[in-house]
Amino acid sequence: MKTVMVVDDSRIMRNIVKNTFTELKIICDFIEATNGREALQQLQNHTVHLVLLDWNMPELSGLDFLKKVRAMDQYKNLPIIMVTSESAKYNVIEALKSGASDYIIKPVNDKIFIEKLSKIAF
């Protein structure tokens, strides 16, 4: 079974993302992290197939987490989708340049979610 790590400092947003998978009948295990530092620890302790990553979080931002993970050989091909309210074009470009596989702007829309997941063959 695939494991998805949902990284967001908001429990409500983590639950919304997990519920979206359930609504779409995508069966997987979930690991949660409340910030980038916690996410790095989780990544080292579990096999993760997809990361859904918020941008604005305490301790270590989503963008900083992304840059750290992309610098590690074993995670170069790990799909990481930013799921964030940061909608400015330069934010999207910065995230993609830093190695994000894709970008979803909150609130999460089922149709867009399916479209983004299908691109990474999850």
PDB file of N, CA and C in Angstrom:
ATOM      1  N   MET A   1       0.843  -1.187   0.000  1.00  0.00           N
ATOM      2  CA  MET A   1       0.000   0.000   0.000  1.00  0.00           C
ATOM      3  C   MET A   1       0.887   1.249   0.000  1.00  0.00           C
ATOM      4  N   LYS A   2       0.442   2.262  -0.719  1.00  0.00           N
ATOM      5  CA  LYS A   2       1.187   3.521  -0.807  1.00  0.00           C
ATOM      6  C   LYS A   2       1.006   4.331   0.484  1.00  0.00           C
ATOM      7  N   THR A   3       2.031   5.091   0.807  1.00  0.00           N
ATOM      8  CA  THR A   3       1.982   5.952   1.986  1.00  0.00           C
ATOM      9  C   THR A   3       2.120   7.405   1.549  1.00  0.00           C
ATOM     10  N   VAL A   4       1.197   8.222   2.028  1.00  0.00           N
ATOM     11  CA  VAL A   4       1.173   9.649   1.724  1.00  0.00           C
ATOM     12  C   VAL A   4       1.494  10.409   3.003  1.00  0.00           C
ATOM     13  N   MET A   5       2.442  11.329   2.907  1.00  0.00           N
ATOM     14  CA  MET A   5       2.733  12.197   4.046  1.00  0.00           C
ATOM     15  C   MET A   5       2.075  13.548   3.810  1.00  0.00           C
ATOM     16  N   VAL A   6       1.225  13.946   4.761  1.00  0.00           N
ATOM     17  CA  VAL A   6       0.525  15.223   4.688  1.00  0.00           C
ATOM     18  C   VAL A   6       1.192  16.162   5.696  1.00  0.00           C
ATOM     19  N   VAL A   7       1.804  17.227   5.168  1.00  0.00           N
ATOM     20  CA  VAL A   7       2.562  18.158   6.006  1.00  0.00           C
ATOM     21  C   VAL A   7       1.852  19.508   6.007  1.00  0.00           C
ATOM     22  N   ASP A   8       1.258  19.843   7.151  1.00  0.00           N
ATOM     23  CA  ASP A   8       0.545  21.110   7.284  1.00  0.00           C
ATOM     24  C   ASP A   8       0.414  21.398   8.774  1.00  0.00           C
ATOM     25  N   ASP A   9       0.609  22.644   9.172  1.00  0.00           N
ATOM     26  CA  ASP A   9       0.497  22.966  10.594  1.00  0.00           C
ATOM     27  C   ASP A   9      -0.956  23.039  11.053  1.00  0.00           C
ATOM     28  N   SER A  10      -1.896  22.967  10.133  1.00  0.00           N
ATOM     29  CA  SER A  10      -3.324  22.979  10.467  1.00  0.00           C
ATOM     30  C   SER A  10      -3.889  21.561  10.438  1.00  0.00           C
ATOM     31  N   ARG A  11      -4.378  21.095  11.589  1.00  0.00           N
ATOM     32  CA  ARG A  11      -5.001  19.761  11.657  1.00  0.00           C
ATOM     33  C   ARG A  11      -6.208  19.707  10.724  1.00  0.00           C
ATOM     34  N   ILE A  12      -6.953  20.799  10.650  1.00  0.00           N
ATOM     35  CA  ILE A  12      -8.136  20.847   9.777  1.00  0.00           C
ATOM     36  C   ILE A  12      -7.727  20.609   8.320  1.00  0.00           C
ATOM     37  N   MET A  13      -6.686  21.284   7.874  1.00  0.00           N
ATOM     38  CA  MET A  13      -6.233  21.097   6.479  1.00  0.00           C
ATOM     39  C   MET A  13      -5.737  19.671   6.256  1.00  0.00           C
ATOM     40  N   ARG A  14      -5.007  19.103   7.218  1.00  0.00           N
ATOM     41  CA  ARG A  14      -4.546  17.714   7.066  1.00  0.00           C
ATOM     42  C   ARG A  14      -5.748  16.787   6.914  1.00  0.00           C
ATOM     43  N   ASN A  15      -6.778  17.026   7.709  1.00  0.00           N
ATOM     44  CA  ASN A  15      -7.983  16.194   7.619  1.00  0.00           C
ATOM     45  C   ASN A  15      -8.712  16.388   6.292  1.00  0.00           C
ATOM     46  N   ILE A  16      -8.771  17.610   5.800  1.00  0.00           N
ATOM     47  CA  ILE A  16      -9.417  17.873   4.504  1.00  0.00           C
ATOM     48  C   ILE A  16      -8.694  17.102   3.405  1.00  0.00           C
ATOM     49  N   VAL A  17      -7.368  17.156   3.407  1.00  0.00           N
ATOM     50  CA  VAL A  17      -6.584  16.443   2.391  1.00  0.00           C
ATOM     51  C   VAL A  17      -6.833  14.935   2.494  1.00  0.00           C
ATOM     52  N   LYS A  18      -6.804  14.396   3.710  1.00  0.00           N
ATOM     53  CA  LYS A  18      -7.029  12.952   3.886  1.00  0.00           C
ATOM     54  C   LYS A  18      -8.443  12.568   3.458  1.00  0.00           C
ATOM     55  N   ASN A  19      -9.419  13.414   3.785  1.00  0.00           N
ATOM     56  CA  ASN A  19     -10.807  13.137   3.395  1.00  0.00           C
ATOM     57  C   ASN A  19     -10.984  13.175   1.887  1.00  0.00           C
ATOM     58  N   THR A  20     -10.213  14.008   1.214  1.00  0.00           N
ATOM     59  CA  THR A  20     -10.280  14.072  -0.250  1.00  0.00           C
ATOM     60  C   THR A  20      -9.877  12.722  -0.843  1.00  0.00           C
ATOM     61  N   PHE A  21      -8.830  12.109  -0.313  1.00  0.00           N
ATOM     62  CA  PHE A  21      -8.418  10.773  -0.771  1.00  0.00           C
ATOM     63  C   PHE A  21      -9.557   9.776  -0.567  1.00  0.00           C
ATOM     64  N   THR A  22     -10.204   9.836   0.602  1.00  0.00           N
ATOM     65  CA  THR A  22     -11.307   8.917   0.915  1.00  0.00           C
ATOM     66  C   THR A  22     -12.470   9.126  -0.060  1.00  0.00           C
ATOM     67  N   GLU A  23     -12.826  10.385  -0.298  1.00  0.00           N
ATOM     68  CA  GLU A  23     -13.921  10.702  -1.230  1.00  0.00           C
ATOM     69  C   GLU A  23     -13.618  10.188  -2.632  1.00  0.00           C
ATOM     70  N   LEU A  24     -12.350  10.245  -3.008  1.00  0.00           N
ATOM     71  CA  LEU A  24     -11.948   9.807  -4.343  1.00  0.00           C
ATOM     72  C   LEU A  24     -11.668   8.306  -4.396  1.00  0.00           C
ATOM     73  N   LYS A  25     -11.915   7.640  -3.260  1.00  0.00           N
ATOM     74  CA  LYS A  25     -11.717   6.188  -3.139  1.00  0.00           C
ATOM     75  C   LYS A  25     -10.270   5.769  -3.446  1.00  0.00           C
ATOM     76  N   ILE A  26      -9.327   6.614  -3.022  1.00  0.00           N
ATOM     77  CA  ILE A  26      -7.906   6.294  -3.151  1.00  0.00           C
ATOM     78  C   ILE A  26      -7.469   5.745  -1.796  1.00  0.00           C
ATOM     79  N   ILE A  27      -7.128   4.467  -1.782  1.00  0.00           N
ATOM     80  CA  ILE A  27      -6.769   3.817  -0.526  1.00  0.00           C
ATOM     81  C   ILE A  27      -5.262   3.909  -0.312  1.00  0.00           C
ATOM     82  N   CYS A  28      -4.884   4.474   0.823  1.00  0.00           N
ATOM     83  CA  CYS A  28      -3.463   4.598   1.156  1.00  0.00           C
ATOM     84  C   CYS A  28      -3.329   4.814   2.654  1.00  0.00           C
ATOM     85  N   ASP A  29      -2.092   4.699   3.126  1.00  0.00           N
ATOM     86  CA  ASP A  29      -1.790   5.017   4.518  1.00  0.00           C
ATOM     87  C   ASP A  29      -1.349   6.466   4.581  1.00  0.00           C
ATOM     88  N   PHE A  30      -1.555   7.077   5.739  1.00  0.00           N
ATOM     89  CA  PHE A  30      -1.149   8.468   5.913  1.00  0.00           C
ATOM     90  C   PHE A  30      -0.177   8.614   7.065  1.00  0.00           C
ATOM     91  N   ILE A  31       0.776   9.499   6.865  1.00  0.00           N
ATOM     92  CA  ILE A  31       1.664   9.951   7.921  1.00  0.00           C
ATOM     93  C   ILE A  31       1.458  11.456   7.951  1.00  0.00           C
ATOM     94  N   GLU A  32       1.403  12.023   9.151  1.00  0.00           N
ATOM     95  CA  GLU A  32       1.197  13.462   9.258  1.00  0.00           C
ATOM     96  C   GLU A  32       2.393  14.129   9.914  1.00  0.00           C
ATOM     97  N   ALA A  33       2.626  15.377   9.532  1.00  0.00           N
ATOM     98  CA  ALA A  33       3.645  16.203  10.167  1.00  0.00           C
ATOM     99  C   ALA A  33       3.107  17.626  10.243  1.00  0.00           C
ATOM    100  N   THR A  34       3.474  18.320  11.307  1.00  0.00           N
ATOM    101  CA  THR A  34       2.949  19.671  11.512  1.00  0.00           C
ATOM    102  C   THR A  34       3.907  20.761  11.039  1.00  0.00           C
ATOM    103  N   ASN A  35       5.118  20.368  10.629  1.00  0.00           N
ATOM    104  CA  ASN A  35       6.069  21.333  10.080  1.00  0.00           C
ATOM    105  C   ASN A  35       7.160  20.584   9.321  1.00  0.00           C
ATOM    106  N   GLY A  36       8.002  21.331   8.633  1.00  0.00           N
ATOM    107  CA  GLY A  36       9.036  20.720   7.806  1.00  0.00           C
ATOM    108  C   GLY A  36      10.043  19.899   8.588  1.00  0.00           C
ATOM    109  N   ARG A  37      10.386  20.339   9.790  1.00  0.00           N
ATOM    110  CA  ARG A  37      11.366  19.601  10.609  1.00  0.00           C
ATOM    111  C   ARG A  37      10.807  18.225  10.981  1.00  0.00           C
ATOM    112  N   GLU A  38       9.558  18.204  11.414  1.00  0.00           N
ATOM    113  CA  GLU A  38       8.894  16.940  11.761  1.00  0.00           C
ATOM    114  C   GLU A  38       8.777  16.053  10.511  1.00  0.00           C
ATOM    115  N   ALA A  39       8.493  16.677   9.386  1.00  0.00           N
ATOM    116  CA  ALA A  39       8.363  15.926   8.127  1.00  0.00           C
ATOM    117  C   ALA A  39       9.684  15.254   7.747  1.00  0.00           C
ATOM    118  N   LEU A  40      10.805  15.945   7.956  1.00  0.00           N
ATOM    119  CA  LEU A  40      12.114  15.341   7.661  1.00  0.00           C
ATOM    120  C   LEU A  40      12.339  14.095   8.511  1.00  0.00           C
ATOM    121  N   GLN A  41      11.971  14.170   9.780  1.00  0.00           N
ATOM    122  CA  GLN A  41      12.115  13.003  10.671  1.00  0.00           C
ATOM    123  C   GLN A  41      11.220  11.860  10.195  1.00  0.00           C
ATOM    124  N   GLN A  42       9.975  12.171   9.855  1.00  0.00           N
ATOM    125  CA  GLN A  42       9.038  11.145   9.382  1.00  0.00           C
ATOM    126  C   GLN A  42       9.554  10.481   8.110  1.00  0.00           C
ATOM    127  N   LEU A  43      10.127  11.270   7.229  1.00  0.00           N
ATOM    128  CA  LEU A  43      10.636  10.769   5.958  1.00  0.00           C
ATOM    129  C   LEU A  43      11.762   9.759   6.181  1.00  0.00           C
ATOM    130  N   GLN A  44      12.579  10.013   7.189  1.00  0.00           N
ATOM    131  CA  GLN A  44      13.685   9.107   7.479  1.00  0.00           C
ATOM    132  C   GLN A  44      13.219   7.819   8.169  1.00  0.00           C
ATOM    133  N   ASN A  45      12.040   7.864   8.799  1.00  0.00           N
ATOM    134  CA  ASN A  45      11.537   6.701   9.535  1.00  0.00           C
ATOM    135  C   ASN A  45      10.522   5.861   8.773  1.00  0.00           C
ATOM    136  N   HIS A  46      10.048   6.337   7.630  1.00  0.00           N
ATOM    137  CA  HIS A  46       9.002   5.640   6.873  1.00  0.00           C
ATOM    138  C   HIS A  46       9.311   5.670   5.380  1.00  0.00           C
ATOM    139  N   THR A  47       8.747   4.704   4.663  1.00  0.00           N
ATOM    140  CA  THR A  47       8.789   4.739   3.208  1.00  0.00           C
ATOM    141  C   THR A  47       7.581   5.559   2.756  1.00  0.00           C
ATOM    142  N   VAL A  48       7.844   6.649   2.074  1.00  0.00           N
ATOM    143  CA  VAL A  48       6.783   7.569   1.651  1.00  0.00           C
ATOM    144  C   VAL A  48       6.748   7.597   0.127  1.00  0.00           C
ATOM    145  N   HIS A  49       5.534   7.557  -0.445  1.00  0.00           N
ATOM    146  CA  HIS A  49       5.367   7.541  -1.900  1.00  0.00           C
ATOM    147  C   HIS A  49       4.922   8.881  -2.474  1.00  0.00           C
ATOM    148  N   LEU A  50       4.422   9.753  -1.603  1.00  0.00           N
ATOM    149  CA  LEU A  50       3.940  11.064  -2.028  1.00  0.00           C
ATOM    150  C   LEU A  50       3.939  11.988  -0.823  1.00  0.00           C
ATOM    151  N   VAL A  51       4.361  13.240  -1.035  1.00  0.00           N
ATOM    152  CA  VAL A  51       4.290  14.250   0.022  1.00  0.00           C
ATOM    153  C   VAL A  51       3.378  15.375  -0.460  1.00  0.00           C
ATOM    154  N   LEU A  52       2.406  15.725   0.379  1.00  0.00           N
ATOM    155  CA  LEU A  52       1.543  16.879   0.138  1.00  0.00           C
ATOM    156  C   LEU A  52       1.963  17.915   1.168  1.00  0.00           C
ATOM    157  N   LEU A  53       2.449  19.051   0.698  1.00  0.00           N
ATOM    158  CA  LEU A  53       3.231  19.955   1.526  1.00  0.00           C
ATOM    159  C   LEU A  53       2.692  21.379   1.541  1.00  0.00           C
ATOM    160  N   ASP A  54       2.414  21.880   2.738  1.00  0.00           N
ATOM    161  CA  ASP A  54       2.030  23.280   2.900  1.00  0.00           C
ATOM    162  C   ASP A  54       3.284  24.150   2.829  1.00  0.00           C
ATOM    163  N   TRP A  55       3.116  25.421   2.536  1.00  0.00           N
ATOM    164  CA  TRP A  55       4.251  26.334   2.431  1.00  0.00           C
ATOM    165  C   TRP A  55       4.569  26.967   3.788  1.00  0.00           C
ATOM    166  N   ASN A  56       3.566  27.610   4.380  1.00  0.00           N
ATOM    167  CA  ASN A  56       3.776  28.399   5.603  1.00  0.00           C
ATOM    168  C   ASN A  56       3.578  27.555   6.860  1.00  0.00           C
ATOM    169  N   MET A  57       4.701  27.226   7.500  1.00  0.00           N
ATOM    170  CA  MET A  57       4.660  26.435   8.729  1.00  0.00           C
ATOM    171  C   MET A  57       5.774  26.907   9.663  1.00  0.00           C
ATOM    172  N   PRO A  58       5.586  26.696  10.966  1.00  0.00           N
ATOM    173  CA  PRO A  58       6.638  27.077  11.921  1.00  0.00           C
ATOM    174  C   PRO A  58       7.845  26.133  11.814  1.00  0.00           C
ATOM    175  N   GLU A  59       8.948  26.557  12.377  1.00  0.00           N
ATOM    176  CA  GLU A  59      10.195  25.785  12.478  1.00  0.00           C
ATOM    177  C   GLU A  59      10.911  25.580  11.151  1.00  0.00           C
ATOM    178  N   LEU A  60      10.242  24.967  10.167  1.00  0.00           N
ATOM    179  CA  LEU A  60      10.858  24.774   8.854  1.00  0.00           C
ATOM    180  C   LEU A  60       9.742  24.863   7.814  1.00  0.00           C
ATOM    181  N   SER A  61       9.828  25.843   6.934  1.00  0.00           N
ATOM    182  CA  SER A  61       8.753  26.051   5.952  1.00  0.00           C
ATOM    183  C   SER A  61       8.717  24.912   4.936  1.00  0.00           C
ATOM    184  N   GLY A  62       7.619  24.837   4.218  1.00  0.00           N
ATOM    185  CA  GLY A  62       7.487  23.829   3.173  1.00  0.00           C
ATOM    186  C   GLY A  62       8.551  23.991   2.098  1.00  0.00           C
ATOM    187  N   LEU A  63       8.847  25.227   1.735  1.00  0.00           N
ATOM    188  CA  LEU A  63       9.849  25.470   0.705  1.00  0.00           C
ATOM    189  C   LEU A  63      11.237  25.029   1.183  1.00  0.00           C
ATOM    190  N   ASP A  64      11.570  25.320   2.436  1.00  0.00           N
ATOM    191  CA  ASP A  64      12.866  24.893   2.973  1.00  0.00           C
ATOM    192  C   ASP A  64      12.951  23.366   3.075  1.00  0.00           C
ATOM    193  N   PHE A  65      11.840  22.732   3.479  1.00  0.00           N
ATOM    194  CA  PHE A  65      11.783  21.266   3.504  1.00  0.00           C
ATOM    195  C   PHE A  65      12.038  20.712   2.101  1.00  0.00           C
ATOM    196  N   LEU A  66      11.361  21.296   1.124  1.00  0.00           N
ATOM    197  CA  LEU A  66      11.493  20.866  -0.268  1.00  0.00           C
ATOM    198  C   LEU A  66      12.951  20.938  -0.728  1.00  0.00           C
ATOM    199  N   LYS A  67      13.606  22.045  -0.450  1.00  0.00           N
ATOM    200  CA  LYS A  67      15.002  22.215  -0.861  1.00  0.00           C
ATOM    201  C   LYS A  67      15.918  21.190  -0.185  1.00  0.00           C
ATOM    202  N   LYS A  68      15.690  20.934   1.102  1.00  0.00           N
ATOM    203  CA  LYS A  68      16.509  19.951   1.833  1.00  0.00           C
ATOM    204  C   LYS A  68      16.316  18.542   1.263  1.00  0.00           C
ATOM    205  N   VAL A  69      15.064  18.186   0.992  1.00  0.00           N
ATOM    206  CA  VAL A  69      14.755  16.847   0.480  1.00  0.00           C
ATOM    207  C   VAL A  69      15.329  16.656  -0.922  1.00  0.00           C
ATOM    208  N   ARG A  70      15.204  17.669  -1.759  1.00  0.00           N
ATOM    209  CA  ARG A  70      15.716  17.554  -3.133  1.00  0.00           C
ATOM    210  C   ARG A  70      17.241  17.477  -3.178  1.00  0.00           C
ATOM    211  N   ALA A  71      17.902  17.906  -2.103  1.00  0.00           N
ATOM    212  CA  ALA A  71      19.364  17.824  -2.040  1.00  0.00           C
ATOM    213  C   ALA A  71      19.831  16.405  -1.678  1.00  0.00           C
ATOM    214  N   MET A  72      18.898  15.540  -1.254  1.00  0.00           N
ATOM    215  CA  MET A  72      19.238  14.163  -0.882  1.00  0.00           C
ATOM    216  C   MET A  72      18.948  13.223  -2.050  1.00  0.00           C
ATOM    217  N   ASP A  73      19.954  12.472  -2.473  1.00  0.00           N
ATOM    218  CA  ASP A  73      19.822  11.579  -3.632  1.00  0.00           C
ATOM    219  C   ASP A  73      18.620  10.649  -3.554  1.00  0.00           C
ATOM    220  N   GLN A  74      18.385  10.053  -2.381  1.00  0.00           N
ATOM    221  CA  GLN A  74      17.317   9.043  -2.284  1.00  0.00           C
ATOM    222  C   GLN A  74      15.915   9.623  -2.471  1.00  0.00           C
ATOM    223  N   TYR A  75      15.785  10.958  -2.429  1.00  0.00           N
ATOM    224  CA  TYR A  75      14.459  11.570  -2.575  1.00  0.00           C
ATOM    225  C   TYR A  75      14.323  12.420  -3.836  1.00  0.00           C
ATOM    226  N   LYS A  76      15.281  12.300  -4.744  1.00  0.00           N
ATOM    227  CA  LYS A  76      15.237  13.128  -5.962  1.00  0.00           C
ATOM    228  C   LYS A  76      13.961  12.923  -6.783  1.00  0.00           C
ATOM    229  N   ASN A  77      13.418  11.690  -6.762  1.00  0.00           N
ATOM    230  CA  ASN A  77      12.236  11.389  -7.579  1.00  0.00           C
ATOM    231  C   ASN A  77      10.956  11.260  -6.770  1.00  0.00           C
ATOM    232  N   LEU A  78      11.004  11.567  -5.486  1.00  0.00           N
ATOM    233  CA  LEU A  78       9.812  11.497  -4.645  1.00  0.00           C
ATOM    234  C   LEU A  78       8.823  12.585  -5.076  1.00  0.00           C
ATOM    235  N   PRO A  79       7.591  12.202  -5.423  1.00  0.00           N
ATOM    236  CA  PRO A  79       6.609  13.228  -5.791  1.00  0.00           C
ATOM    237  C   PRO A  79       6.254  14.110  -4.586  1.00  0.00           C
ATOM    238  N   ILE A  80       6.425  15.403  -4.753  1.00  0.00           N
ATOM    239  CA  ILE A  80       6.079  16.367  -3.703  1.00  0.00           C
ATOM    240  C   ILE A  80       5.187  17.434  -4.327  1.00  0.00           C
ATOM    241  N   ILE A  81       3.951  17.491  -3.841  1.00  0.00           N
ATOM    242  CA  ILE A  81       2.996  18.478  -4.345  1.00  0.00           C
ATOM    243  C   ILE A  81       2.762  19.519  -3.257  1.00  0.00           C
ATOM    244  N   MET A  82       3.024  20.765  -3.599  1.00  0.00           N
ATOM    245  CA  MET A  82       2.721  21.856  -2.670  1.00  0.00           C
ATOM    246  C   MET A  82       1.201  22.029  -2.647  1.00  0.00           C
ATOM    247  N   VAL A  83       0.627  22.095  -1.450  1.00  0.00           N
ATOM    248  CA  VAL A  83      -0.802  22.361  -1.278  1.00  0.00           C
ATOM    249  C   VAL A  83      -0.859  23.573  -0.353  1.00  0.00           C
ATOM    250  N   THR A  84      -1.071  24.740  -0.931  1.00  0.00           N
ATOM    251  CA  THR A  84      -0.873  25.968  -0.169  1.00  0.00           C
ATOM    252  C   THR A  84      -1.793  27.092  -0.611  1.00  0.00           C
ATOM    253  N   SER A  85      -1.941  28.072   0.247  1.00  0.00           N
ATOM    254  CA  SER A  85      -2.732  29.256  -0.119  1.00  0.00           C
ATOM    255  C   SER A  85      -1.860  30.303  -0.810  1.00  0.00           C
ATOM    256  N   GLU A  86      -0.565  30.045  -0.907  1.00  0.00           N
ATOM    257  CA  GLU A  86       0.341  30.968  -1.616  1.00  0.00           C
ATOM    258  C   GLU A  86       0.060  30.869  -3.122  1.00  0.00           C
ATOM    259  N   SER A  87      -0.694  31.828  -3.643  1.00  0.00           N
ATOM    260  CA  SER A  87      -1.152  31.712  -5.024  1.00  0.00           C
ATOM    261  C   SER A  87      -0.438  32.647  -6.003  1.00  0.00           C
ATOM    262  N   ALA A  88       0.471  33.470  -5.502  1.00  0.00           N
ATOM    263  CA  ALA A  88       1.178  34.393  -6.397  1.00  0.00           C
ATOM    264  C   ALA A  88       2.034  33.598  -7.378  1.00  0.00           C
ATOM    265  N   LYS A  89       2.073  34.082  -8.610  1.00  0.00           N
ATOM    266  CA  LYS A  89       2.796  33.372  -9.669  1.00  0.00           C
ATOM    267  C   LYS A  89       4.259  33.117  -9.297  1.00  0.00           C
ATOM    268  N   TYR A  90       4.908  34.111  -8.667  1.00  0.00           N
ATOM    269  CA  TYR A  90       6.323  33.925  -8.317  1.00  0.00           C
ATOM    270  C   TYR A  90       6.507  32.828  -7.272  1.00  0.00           C
ATOM    271  N   ASN A  91       5.493  32.614  -6.390  1.00  0.00           N
ATOM    272  CA  ASN A  91       5.579  31.514  -5.421  1.00  0.00           C
ATOM    273  C   ASN A  91       5.523  30.167  -6.132  1.00  0.00           C
ATOM    274  N   VAL A  92       4.607  30.065  -7.081  1.00  0.00           N
ATOM    275  CA  VAL A  92       4.473  28.820  -7.848  1.00  0.00           C
ATOM    276  C   VAL A  92       5.781  28.531  -8.580  1.00  0.00           C
ATOM    277  N   ILE A  93       6.323  29.545  -9.231  1.00  0.00           N
ATOM    278  CA  ILE A  93       7.572  29.376  -9.980  1.00  0.00           C
ATOM    279  C   ILE A  93       8.713  28.978  -9.044  1.00  0.00           C
ATOM    280  N   GLU A  94       8.808  29.646  -7.889  1.00  0.00           N
ATOM    281  CA  GLU A  94       9.873  29.329  -6.930  1.00  0.00           C
ATOM    282  C   GLU A  94       9.769  27.883  -6.439  1.00  0.00           C
ATOM    283  N   ALA A  95       8.554  27.445  -6.145  1.00  0.00           N
ATOM    284  CA  ALA A  95       8.356  26.067  -5.671  1.00  0.00           C
ATOM    285  C   ALA A  95       8.738  25.061  -6.750  1.00  0.00           C
ATOM    286  N   LEU A  96       8.311  25.308  -7.977  1.00  0.00           N
ATOM    287  CA  LEU A  96       8.627  24.378  -9.070  1.00  0.00           C
ATOM    288  C   LEU A  96      10.127  24.362  -9.358  1.00  0.00           C
ATOM    289  N   LYS A  97      10.771  25.528  -9.315  1.00  0.00           N
ATOM    290  CA  LYS A  97      12.227  25.596  -9.512  1.00  0.00           C
ATOM    291  C   LYS A  97      12.967  24.865  -8.399  1.00  0.00           C
ATOM    292  N   SER A  98      12.386  24.871  -7.202  1.00  0.00           N
ATOM    293  CA  SER A  98      13.016  24.217  -6.047  1.00  0.00           C
ATOM    294  C   SER A  98      12.779  22.710  -6.030  1.00  0.00           C
ATOM    295  N   GLY A  99      11.963  22.226  -6.967  1.00  0.00           N
ATOM    296  CA  GLY A  99      11.784  20.782  -7.081  1.00  0.00           C
ATOM    297  C   GLY A  99      10.402  20.238  -6.800  1.00  0.00           C
ATOM    298  N   ALA A 100       9.415  21.109  -6.595  1.00  0.00           N
ATOM    299  CA  ALA A 100       8.047  20.612  -6.393  1.00  0.00           C
ATOM    300  C   ALA A 100       7.579  19.903  -7.664  1.00  0.00           C
ATOM    301  N   SER A 101       6.900  18.785  -7.496  1.00  0.00           N
ATOM    302  CA  SER A 101       6.372  18.041  -8.644  1.00  0.00           C
ATOM    303  C   SER A 101       5.164  18.763  -9.236  1.00  0.00           C
ATOM    304  N   ASP A 102       4.399  19.427  -8.358  1.00  0.00           N
ATOM    305  CA  ASP A 102       3.221  20.160  -8.810  1.00  0.00           C
ATOM    306  C   ASP A 102       2.791  21.105  -7.700  1.00  0.00           C
ATOM    307  N   TYR A 103       1.696  21.825  -7.934  1.00  0.00           N
ATOM    308  CA  TYR A 103       1.280  22.892  -7.038  1.00  0.00           C
ATOM    309  C   TYR A 103      -0.240  22.955  -7.027  1.00  0.00           C
ATOM    310  N   ILE A 104      -0.844  22.868  -5.847  1.00  0.00           N
ATOM    311  CA  ILE A 104      -2.299  22.988  -5.711  1.00  0.00           C
ATOM    312  C   ILE A 104      -2.569  24.168  -4.777  1.00  0.00           C
ATOM    313  N   ILE A 105      -3.440  25.057  -5.207  1.00  0.00           N
ATOM    314  CA  ILE A 105      -3.783  26.213  -4.382  1.00  0.00           C
ATOM    315  C   ILE A 105      -5.034  25.881  -3.565  1.00  0.00           C
ATOM    316  N   LYS A 106      -4.958  26.148  -2.249  1.00  0.00           N
ATOM    317  CA  LYS A 106      -6.106  25.926  -1.365  1.00  0.00           C
ATOM    318  C   LYS A 106      -7.191  26.943  -1.700  1.00  0.00           C
ATOM    319  N   PRO A 107      -8.458  26.622  -1.511  1.00  0.00           N
ATOM    320  CA  PRO A 107      -8.976  25.347  -1.008  1.00  0.00           C
ATOM    321  C   PRO A 107      -8.849  24.239  -2.049  1.00  0.00           C
ATOM    322  N   VAL A 108      -8.674  23.020  -1.557  1.00  0.00           N
ATOM    323  CA  VAL A 108      -8.465  21.867  -2.437  1.00  0.00           C
ATOM    324  C   VAL A 108      -9.764  21.533  -3.153  1.00  0.00           C
ATOM    325  N   ASN A 109      -9.666  21.393  -4.465  1.00  0.00           N
ATOM    326  CA  ASN A 109     -10.805  21.076  -5.320  1.00  0.00           C
ATOM    327  C   ASN A 109     -10.596  19.641  -5.839  1.00  0.00           C
ATOM    328  N   ASP A 110     -11.612  18.784  -5.695  1.00  0.00           N
ATOM    329  CA  ASP A 110     -11.472  17.366  -6.073  1.00  0.00           C
ATOM    330  C   ASP A 110     -10.990  17.172  -7.505  1.00  0.00           C
ATOM    331  N   LYS A 111     -11.545  17.954  -8.428  1.00  0.00           N
ATOM    332  CA  LYS A 111     -11.195  17.803  -9.841  1.00  0.00           C
ATOM    333  C   LYS A 111      -9.707  18.099 -10.065  1.00  0.00           C
ATOM    334  N   ILE A 112      -9.233  19.182  -9.488  1.00  0.00           N
ATOM    335  CA  ILE A 112      -7.814  19.553  -9.628  1.00  0.00           C
ATOM    336  C   ILE A 112      -6.939  18.519  -8.922  1.00  0.00           C
ATOM    337  N   PHE A 113      -7.391  18.062  -7.771  1.00  0.00           N
ATOM    338  CA  PHE A 113      -6.647  17.064  -7.003  1.00  0.00           C
ATOM    339  C   PHE A 113      -6.438  15.793  -7.833  1.00  0.00           C
ATOM    340  N   ILE A 114      -7.499  15.310  -8.463  1.00  0.00           N
ATOM    341  CA  ILE A 114      -7.409  14.106  -9.313  1.00  0.00           C
ATOM    342  C   ILE A 114      -6.452  14.358 -10.471  1.00  0.00           C
ATOM    343  N   GLU A 115      -6.585  15.522 -11.090  1.00  0.00           N
ATOM    344  CA  GLU A 115      -5.737  15.879 -12.231  1.00  0.00           C
ATOM    345  C   GLU A 115      -4.252  15.862 -11.838  1.00  0.00           C
ATOM    346  N   LYS A 116      -3.924  16.455 -10.702  1.00  0.00           N
ATOM    347  CA  LYS A 116      -2.527  16.522 -10.248  1.00  0.00           C
ATOM    348  C   LYS A 116      -2.013  15.132  -9.874  1.00  0.00           C
ATOM    349  N   LEU A 117      -2.831  14.334  -9.208  1.00  0.00           N
ATOM    350  CA  LEU A 117      -2.408  12.980  -8.819  1.00  0.00           C
ATOM    351  C   LEU A 117      -2.205  12.099 -10.046  1.00  0.00           C
ATOM    352  N   SER A 118      -3.042  12.270 -11.066  1.00  0.00           N
ATOM    353  CA  SER A 118      -2.915  11.430 -12.263  1.00  0.00           C
ATOM    354  C   SER A 118      -1.612  11.730 -13.004  1.00  0.00           C
ATOM    355  N   LYS A 119      -1.118  12.973 -12.900  1.00  0.00           N
ATOM    356  CA  LYS A 119       0.127  13.342 -13.550  1.00  0.00           C
ATOM    357  C   LYS A 119       1.337  12.600 -12.974  1.00  0.00           C
ATOM    358  N   ILE A 120       1.251  12.280 -11.676  1.00  0.00           N
ATOM    359  CA  ILE A 120       2.397  11.608 -11.048  1.00  0.00           C
ATOM    360  C   ILE A 120       2.181  10.100 -10.972  1.00  0.00           C
ATOM    361  N   ALA A 121       1.109   9.613 -11.581  1.00  0.00           N
ATOM    362  CA  ALA A 121       0.809   8.180 -11.619  1.00  0.00           C
ATOM    363  C   ALA A 121       0.817   7.575 -10.229  1.00  0.00           C
ATOM    364  N   PHE A 122       0.134   8.245  -9.320  1.00  0.00           N
ATOM    365  CA  PHE A 122       0.068   7.758  -7.939  1.00  0.00           C
ATOM    366  C   PHE A 122      -0.919   6.624  -7.854  1.00  0.00           C
TER     367      PHE A 122
END
